[in-house]
Each structure stands twice: as structure tokens, then as C-alpha cells.
Amino acid sequence: MNITEQDRAFMREAIQLANKSVESGGGPFGAVVVKDGEVVAGRSNSVTIDNDPTAHAEVNTIREACHKLGTFDLTGCTIYTSCEPCPMCLGAIYWSRISRIFYGNTRKDARAIDFADDFIYDELDKPLDKRTVPITPLLRDEALQSFRLWQEKTDKTEY
């Protein structure tokens, strides 16, 4: 992949957001979403500020980008994030259909400052009955009703 000076500039914006986040009481993570050479959204980690464990920089930035663009589909966009995305953020990036990911720090770098997500990767590889947090199927027959309704719906917005 060809990395341009513009890519470096966008990554520096994500890193600057991470630095500002630390200074203002947030976590050391920042991200920007870019479309057609323009920053659409840029946010930092606000987990402790918002008391929201999902308020990672990438998720916050994706939410802002989708809101600004009026779509849940970020095809054609690139995300620049100051750290390799955790499993939750990576899932959000894939669900949003972002086309490219650039990151600064690695998972190992994050682990070195006590931001370890290896346990989540490990959990995903375990059978359901071996996971640390119990996960148990319940009322599947009743839950399937909403899937049937969705399947029959003719005016749905697919995603």
C-alpha cells in the first residue's frame, strides 16, 4: 500500500486528538475518518469522561462521521487511529464498511501501558460454555419472531 504525506498528516491529527484526550482526562486514543481527502470526523476516547465503556475513539469517530454524512455506510472512507483497534472497534469499523485502516501504536504498545485486549481475542476463540462471562441461549423460539418479521418486511433498509 502506498502511504502518502496526506496519510501521515491525517495520522498526526489522530495522534494529536489522543494527546489532547490525555490532557483533558480521557484515554490516550484518537481517531479521524476521512472521505475524499477531507476530515469528516475526529474524536478521542471518552470512556471515563462519559462513563461509557463503548466510547472508544474509533466508535466515537464513526458515530460522528455517520451523523455528519447522514449514512451508516462509510464505504470510501479511511480511518486513522492512534492505536491498533480493539475487537469492538474493529467490529464497528467493519460494520461501517470503512475501506481502509491506518493505525499508530500496536496492541503490544497498548498492553505495555495496561490497555490489554488480548483477553477478548482469547474469549472469542473459546466455546460458549468455556467463556469467562457465562453466555447462555434463552427463548430462541420467541426471539425468532423478530427475524421472521424482518425477513417478511418489504420496505426495510438493508444493512
Protein backbone atom coordinates (compact mmCIF):
# COMPACT_ATOMS: atom_id res chain seq x y z
CA MET A 1 0.00 0.00 0.00
CA ASN A 2 1.32 3.42 -0.90
CA ILE A 3 1.45 5.74 2.12
CA THR A 4 1.31 9.44 1.27
CA GLU A 5 2.24 12.61 3.12
CA GLN A 6 -1.50 13.25 3.39
CA ASP A 7 -1.89 9.91 5.18
CA ARG A 8 0.83 10.94 7.60
CA ALA A 9 -0.90 14.30 8.19
CA PHE A 10 -4.22 12.60 8.97
CA MET A 11 -2.49 10.17 11.34
CA ARG A 12 -0.88 13.13 13.09
CA GLU A 13 -4.37 14.58 13.62
CA ALA A 14 -5.46 11.32 15.27
CA ILE A 15 -2.34 11.35 17.45
CA GLN A 16 -2.96 14.98 18.41
CA LEU A 17 -6.51 14.07 19.47
CA ALA A 18 -5.07 11.27 21.63
CA ASN A 19 -2.63 13.68 23.26
CA LYS A 20 -5.37 16.24 23.95
CA SER A 21 -7.55 13.48 25.38
CA VAL A 22 -4.92 12.57 27.96
CA GLU A 23 -4.59 16.24 28.91
CA SER A 24 -8.36 16.56 29.41
CA GLY A 25 -8.88 13.37 31.41
CA GLY A 26 -9.68 10.91 28.64
CA GLY A 27 -7.83 7.84 27.43
CA PRO A 28 -4.77 8.04 25.15
CA PHE A 29 -6.58 7.29 21.90
CA GLY A 30 -7.73 9.42 18.97
CA ALA A 31 -9.14 8.80 15.51
CA VAL A 32 -10.23 10.64 12.38
CA VAL A 33 -12.42 9.49 9.50
CA VAL A 34 -11.51 10.91 6.10
CA LYS A 35 -13.56 10.94 2.89
CA ASP A 36 -12.33 12.35 -0.40
CA GLY A 37 -9.28 13.89 1.24
CA GLU A 38 -11.24 15.76 3.91
CA VAL A 39 -11.63 15.00 7.62
CA VAL A 40 -15.29 14.19 8.22
CA ALA A 41 -14.97 13.47 11.94
CA GLY A 42 -12.35 13.31 14.63
CA ARG A 43 -12.82 12.20 18.22
CA SER A 44 -10.92 10.80 21.13
CA ASN A 45 -11.57 8.20 23.79
CA SER A 46 -14.13 9.35 26.36
CA VAL A 47 -14.75 6.15 28.34
CA THR A 48 -14.03 7.68 31.74
CA ILE A 49 -15.44 11.10 30.87
CA ASP A 50 -18.79 9.72 29.65
CA ASN A 51 -18.85 6.63 31.89
CA ASP A 52 -19.36 4.63 28.70
CA PRO A 53 -17.17 1.57 28.05
CA THR A 54 -18.02 1.77 24.33
CA ALA A 55 -16.80 5.37 23.97
CA HIS A 56 -13.54 4.42 22.30
CA ALA A 57 -12.03 6.91 19.84
CA GLU A 58 -12.91 4.82 16.79
CA VAL A 59 -16.53 4.26 17.85
CA ASN A 60 -16.99 7.92 18.76
CA THR A 61 -15.50 8.97 15.41
CA ILE A 62 -17.59 6.52 13.40
CA ARG A 63 -20.76 7.75 15.13
CA GLU A 64 -19.87 11.36 14.37
CA ALA A 65 -18.97 10.59 10.74
CA CYS A 66 -22.21 8.69 10.16
CA HIS A 67 -24.21 11.52 11.70
CA LYS A 68 -22.47 14.18 9.59
CA LEU A 69 -22.75 12.19 6.38
CA GLY A 70 -26.30 11.01 7.08
CA THR A 71 -25.50 7.36 6.47
CA PHE A 72 -24.45 4.18 8.26
CA ASP A 73 -22.30 3.17 5.26
CA LEU A 74 -18.82 4.70 5.28
CA THR A 75 -17.63 2.96 2.12
CA GLY A 76 -14.86 5.03 0.58
CA CYS A 77 -13.76 6.43 3.92
CA THR A 78 -10.47 5.83 5.69
CA ILE A 79 -9.96 5.75 9.45
CA TYR A 80 -6.71 6.88 11.03
CA THR A 81 -6.46 5.76 14.62
CA SER A 82 -3.67 6.35 17.07
CA CYS A 83 -3.70 2.70 18.14
CA GLU A 84 -4.46 -0.66 16.56
CA PRO A 85 -8.23 -1.12 17.00
CA CYS A 86 -9.53 -3.39 19.77
CA PRO A 87 -12.01 -6.14 18.81
CA MET A 88 -15.02 -3.88 19.48
CA CYS A 89 -13.64 -1.04 17.39
CA LEU A 90 -12.54 -3.38 14.63
CA GLY A 91 -16.08 -4.76 14.54
CA ALA A 92 -17.50 -1.23 14.32
CA ILE A 93 -15.08 -0.40 11.50
CA TYR A 94 -16.14 -3.48 9.56
CA TRP A 95 -19.86 -2.87 10.20
CA SER A 96 -19.50 0.72 8.95
CA ARG A 97 -17.75 -0.55 5.80
CA ILE A 98 -14.79 1.79 6.16
CA SER A 99 -12.47 0.99 3.27
CA ARG A 100 -9.01 1.46 4.83
CA ILE A 101 -7.48 1.48 8.32
CA PHE A 102 -4.25 3.13 9.39
CA TYR A 103 -3.04 2.86 12.98
CA GLY A 104 -0.14 4.17 15.04
CA ASN A 105 0.54 2.22 18.24
CA THR A 106 0.24 -1.55 18.27
CA ARG A 107 -1.72 -3.85 20.58
CA LYS A 108 1.58 -4.65 22.28
CA ASP A 109 2.26 -0.94 22.85
CA ALA A 110 -1.20 -0.61 24.44
CA ARG A 111 -0.62 -3.66 26.61
CA ALA A 112 2.63 -2.10 27.87
CA ILE A 113 0.60 0.75 29.43
CA ASP A 114 -2.10 -1.59 30.81
CA PHE A 115 -4.61 -1.34 27.93
CA ALA A 116 -4.70 -5.05 27.11
CA ASP A 117 -7.40 -6.53 24.92
CA ASP A 118 -5.83 -9.94 24.36
CA PHE A 119 -8.31 -11.45 26.81
CA ILE A 120 -11.15 -10.56 24.43
CA TYR A 121 -9.42 -12.17 21.46
CA ASP A 122 -8.84 -15.24 23.67
CA GLU A 123 -12.50 -15.34 24.73
CA LEU A 124 -13.72 -15.26 21.13
CA ASP A 125 -11.79 -18.45 20.41
CA LYS A 126 -13.39 -20.35 23.31
CA PRO A 127 -16.58 -22.42 23.09
CA LEU A 128 -19.54 -20.62 24.69
CA ASP A 129 -19.54 -22.88 27.74
CA LYS A 130 -15.84 -22.14 28.44
CA ARG A 131 -16.02 -18.32 28.38
CA THR A 132 -15.30 -16.26 31.48
CA VAL A 133 -18.64 -14.44 31.32
CA PRO A 134 -21.46 -17.01 31.08
CA ILE A 135 -23.32 -16.79 27.78
CA THR A 136 -26.49 -18.85 27.56
CA PRO A 137 -29.12 -19.14 24.82
CA LEU A 138 -32.65 -18.31 26.06
CA LEU A 139 -36.11 -18.17 24.41
CA ARG A 140 -34.80 -18.63 20.87
CA ASP A 141 -38.21 -19.69 19.55
CA GLU A 142 -39.73 -16.41 20.76
CA ALA A 143 -36.75 -14.34 19.63
CA LEU A 144 -37.02 -15.73 16.09
CA GLN A 145 -40.29 -13.82 15.65
CA SER A 146 -38.45 -10.53 15.07
CA PHE A 147 -36.24 -12.24 12.48
CA ARG A 148 -39.32 -13.55 10.68
CA LEU A 149 -40.86 -10.08 10.76
CA TRP A 150 -37.65 -8.63 9.32
CA GLN A 151 -37.47 -11.28 6.62
CA GLU A 152 -41.08 -10.58 5.54
CA LYS A 153 -40.75 -6.79 5.64
CA THR A 154 -40.78 -5.37 2.11
CA ASP A 155 -39.83 -1.76 2.90
CA LYS A 156 -36.74 -2.41 5.06
CA THR A 157 -33.43 -0.63 4.77
CA GLU A 158 -30.89 -3.41 4.44
CA TYR A 159 -27.53 -3.12 6.04
